[in-house]
Amino acid sequence: MIYSKLPKATAANLVFHKLEKFRIWLFLGCFIFGLAYFWQVNSLSNRGFLIKDLQNQITSLKNLNQKLEVQAAAAQSLENIQEKIKNLNMVTPDKVEYFSPVGTNVALK
C-alpha cells in the first residue's frame, strides 16, 4: 500500500508540529506588536513636536498682543490726542450750547 510508506504520526512529531505553529504565531505576534509600538512612538513624538510648535506660536502671539496693547494705549494717550488736535488746527470751543428738545416723546401716538 501507498499509505504504508508515509511516516506514522508519532507523539514527538505532533509536539514538534505544534511547537513550530506556536513559534510562527509567536513571531507574528511579536512582529505585529513591534510595528504597533513603533507606530505609537512615532505618532507620539510627532505630536510632541506639533505641541511645541503651537506653544511657540502662542508665545509669539502673546508678545505681539502686548506690543499692540502698548501701541493702542500710546495712541489714546492725552498728549498724543492734544498733539493731533494742534496738527489739525482744531480749537477748543468757548461756549457750549446744548439742544433741548421741545417734547420728550420719541414717537407720536
C-alpha atoms as a PDB file:
ATOM      1  CA  MET A   1       0.000   0.000   0.000  1.00  0.00           C
ATOM      2  CA  ILE A   2       0.968   3.526  -0.612  1.00  0.00           C
ATOM      3  CA  TYR A   3      -0.078   4.678   2.831  1.00  0.00           C
ATOM      4  CA  SER A   4       2.369   2.365   4.495  1.00  0.00           C
ATOM      5  CA  LYS A   5       5.311   4.329   3.084  1.00  0.00           C
ATOM      6  CA  LEU A   6       4.215   7.559   4.781  1.00  0.00           C
ATOM      7  CA  PRO A   7       5.789   8.163   8.182  1.00  0.00           C
ATOM      8  CA  LYS A   8       3.475   7.495  11.040  1.00  0.00           C
ATOM      9  CA  ALA A   9       2.454  10.441  13.189  1.00  0.00           C
ATOM     10  CA  THR A  10       4.171   9.930  16.452  1.00  0.00           C
ATOM     11  CA  ALA A  11       3.665  11.900  19.614  1.00  0.00           C
ATOM     12  CA  ALA A  12       7.057  13.548  19.124  1.00  0.00           C
ATOM     13  CA  ASN A  13       6.119  14.660  15.612  1.00  0.00           C
ATOM     14  CA  LEU A  14       2.821  16.099  16.833  1.00  0.00           C
ATOM     15  CA  VAL A  15       4.555  18.011  19.620  1.00  0.00           C
ATOM     16  CA  PHE A  16       7.179  19.279  17.174  1.00  0.00           C
ATOM     17  CA  HIS A  17       4.455  20.388  14.732  1.00  0.00           C
ATOM     18  CA  LYS A  18       2.535  22.191  17.495  1.00  0.00           C
ATOM     19  CA  LEU A  19       5.763  23.820  18.676  1.00  0.00           C
ATOM     20  CA  GLU A  20       6.502  25.050  15.149  1.00  0.00           C
ATOM     21  CA  LYS A  21       2.998  26.536  14.881  1.00  0.00           C
ATOM     22  CA  PHE A  22       3.463  28.201  18.253  1.00  0.00           C
ATOM     23  CA  ARG A  23       6.811  29.670  17.172  1.00  0.00           C
ATOM     24  CA  ILE A  24       5.305  31.048  13.973  1.00  0.00           C
ATOM     25  CA  TRP A  25       2.375  32.628  15.820  1.00  0.00           C
ATOM     26  CA  LEU A  26       4.724  33.973  18.490  1.00  0.00           C
ATOM     27  CA  PHE A  27       6.955  35.529  15.838  1.00  0.00           C
ATOM     28  CA  LEU A  28       3.970  37.077  14.044  1.00  0.00           C
ATOM     29  CA  GLY A  29       2.597  38.413  17.329  1.00  0.00           C
ATOM     30  CA  CYS A  30       5.944  39.948  18.267  1.00  0.00           C
ATOM     31  CA  PHE A  31       6.302  41.431  14.793  1.00  0.00           C
ATOM     32  CA  ILE A  32       2.825  42.989  14.876  1.00  0.00           C
ATOM     33  CA  PHE A  33       3.381  44.253  18.420  1.00  0.00           C
ATOM     34  CA  GLY A  34       6.718  45.762  17.338  1.00  0.00           C
ATOM     35  CA  LEU A  35       5.103  47.538  14.403  1.00  0.00           C
ATOM     36  CA  ALA A  36       2.320  48.870  16.624  1.00  0.00           C
ATOM     37  CA  TYR A  37       4.862  50.044  19.206  1.00  0.00           C
ATOM     38  CA  PHE A  38       6.976  51.756  16.539  1.00  0.00           C
ATOM     39  CA  TRP A  39       3.903  53.461  15.067  1.00  0.00           C
ATOM     40  CA  GLN A  40       2.750  54.629  18.508  1.00  0.00           C
ATOM     41  CA  VAL A  41       6.155  56.047  19.482  1.00  0.00           C
ATOM     42  CA  ASN A  42       6.482  57.794  16.132  1.00  0.00           C
ATOM     43  CA  SER A  43       2.993  59.267  16.404  1.00  0.00           C
ATOM     44  CA  LEU A  44       3.664  60.445  19.949  1.00  0.00           C
ATOM     45  CA  SER A  45       6.927  62.146  19.006  1.00  0.00           C
ATOM     46  CA  ASN A  46       5.261  63.895  16.057  1.00  0.00           C
ATOM     47  CA  ARG A  47       2.521  65.177  18.341  1.00  0.00           C
ATOM     48  CA  GLY A  48       5.182  66.411  20.755  1.00  0.00           C
ATOM     49  CA  PHE A  49       6.821  68.458  18.008  1.00  0.00           C
ATOM     50  CA  LEU A  50       3.434  69.803  16.935  1.00  0.00           C
ATOM     51  CA  ILE A  51       2.605  70.822  20.514  1.00  0.00           C
ATOM     52  CA  LYS A  52       5.987  72.546  20.863  1.00  0.00           C
ATOM     53  CA  ASP A  53       5.408  74.493  17.626  1.00  0.00           C
ATOM     54  CA  LEU A  54       1.942  75.540  18.793  1.00  0.00           C
ATOM     55  CA  GLN A  55       3.325  76.660  22.165  1.00  0.00           C
ATOM     56  CA  ASN A  56       5.945  78.769  20.375  1.00  0.00           C
ATOM     57  CA  GLN A  57       3.206  80.279  18.219  1.00  0.00           C
ATOM     58  CA  ILE A  58       1.130  81.071  21.326  1.00  0.00           C
ATOM     59  CA  THR A  59       4.128  82.780  22.937  1.00  0.00           C
ATOM     60  CA  SER A  60       4.833  84.905  19.866  1.00  0.00           C
ATOM     61  CA  LEU A  61       1.156  85.875  19.573  1.00  0.00           C
ATOM     62  CA  LYS A  62       1.072  86.884  23.251  1.00  0.00           C
ATOM     63  CA  ASN A  63       4.141  89.076  22.722  1.00  0.00           C
ATOM     64  CA  LEU A  64       2.561  90.648  19.638  1.00  0.00           C
ATOM     65  CA  ASN A  65      -0.662  91.249  21.581  1.00  0.00           C
ATOM     66  CA  GLN A  66       1.250  93.039  24.343  1.00  0.00           C
ATOM     67  CA  LYS A  67       3.032  95.243  21.795  1.00  0.00           C
ATOM     68  CA  LEU A  68      -0.277  96.113  20.135  1.00  0.00           C
ATOM     69  CA  GLU A  69      -1.850  96.959  23.506  1.00  0.00           C
ATOM     70  CA  VAL A  70       1.052  99.312  24.260  1.00  0.00           C
ATOM     71  CA  GLN A  71       0.653 100.949  20.837  1.00  0.00           C
ATOM     72  CA  ALA A  72      -3.110 101.337  21.374  1.00  0.00           C
ATOM     73  CA  ALA A  73      -2.561 102.880  24.803  1.00  0.00           C
ATOM     74  CA  ALA A  74       0.027 105.267  23.361  1.00  0.00           C
ATOM     75  CA  ALA A  75      -2.333 106.267  20.536  1.00  0.00           C
ATOM     76  CA  GLN A  76      -5.105 107.009  23.049  1.00  0.00           C
ATOM     77  CA  SER A  77      -2.912 108.969  25.448  1.00  0.00           C
ATOM     78  CA  LEU A  78      -3.891 112.557  26.220  1.00  0.00           C
ATOM     79  CA  GLU A  79      -0.589 114.022  24.971  1.00  0.00           C
ATOM     80  CA  ASN A  80      -0.923 112.227  21.646  1.00  0.00           C
ATOM     81  CA  ILE A  81      -4.521 113.381  21.182  1.00  0.00           C
ATOM     82  CA  GLN A  82      -3.633 117.003  22.048  1.00  0.00           C
ATOM     83  CA  GLU A  83      -0.747 116.905  19.579  1.00  0.00           C
ATOM     84  CA  LYS A  84      -3.060 115.652  16.831  1.00  0.00           C
ATOM     85  CA  ILE A  85      -5.581 118.380  17.689  1.00  0.00           C
ATOM     86  CA  LYS A  86      -2.874 121.023  17.195  1.00  0.00           C
ATOM     87  CA  ASN A  87      -1.736 119.437  13.919  1.00  0.00           C
ATOM     88  CA  LEU A  88      -5.322 119.524  12.588  1.00  0.00           C
ATOM     89  CA  ASN A  89      -5.696 123.211  13.646  1.00  0.00           C
ATOM     90  CA  MET A  90      -8.622 122.448  15.915  1.00  0.00           C
ATOM     91  CA  VAL A  91      -9.534 124.836  18.710  1.00  0.00           C
ATOM     92  CA  THR A  92     -11.459 124.358  21.913  1.00  0.00           C
ATOM     93  CA  PRO A  93     -14.942 125.881  21.915  1.00  0.00           C
ATOM     94  CA  ASP A  94     -15.567 128.976  24.030  1.00  0.00           C
ATOM     95  CA  LYS A  95     -19.189 128.337  24.849  1.00  0.00           C
ATOM     96  CA  VAL A  96     -21.010 125.026  24.558  1.00  0.00           C
ATOM     97  CA  GLU A  97     -24.750 125.125  23.911  1.00  0.00           C
ATOM     98  CA  TYR A  98     -26.878 122.029  24.243  1.00  0.00           C
ATOM     99  CA  PHE A  99     -30.068 121.470  22.295  1.00  0.00           C
ATOM    100  CA  SER A 100     -33.071 120.749  24.469  1.00  0.00           C
ATOM    101  CA  PRO A 101     -35.976 119.095  22.673  1.00  0.00           C
ATOM    102  CA  VAL A 102     -39.466 120.532  22.954  1.00  0.00           C
ATOM    103  CA  GLY A 103     -41.199 117.264  23.704  1.00  0.00           C
ATOM    104  CA  THR A 104     -39.735 114.268  25.427  1.00  0.00           C
ATOM    105  CA  ASN A 105     -41.757 111.742  23.412  1.00  0.00           C
ATOM    106  CA  VAL A 106     -39.811 109.913  20.758  1.00  0.00           C
ATOM    107  CA  ALA A 107     -42.782 108.564  18.800  1.00  0.00           C
ATOM    108  CA  LEU A 108     -46.196 110.061  18.291  1.00  0.00           C
ATOM    109  CA  LYS A 109     -49.286 108.199  19.418  1.00  0.00           C
END
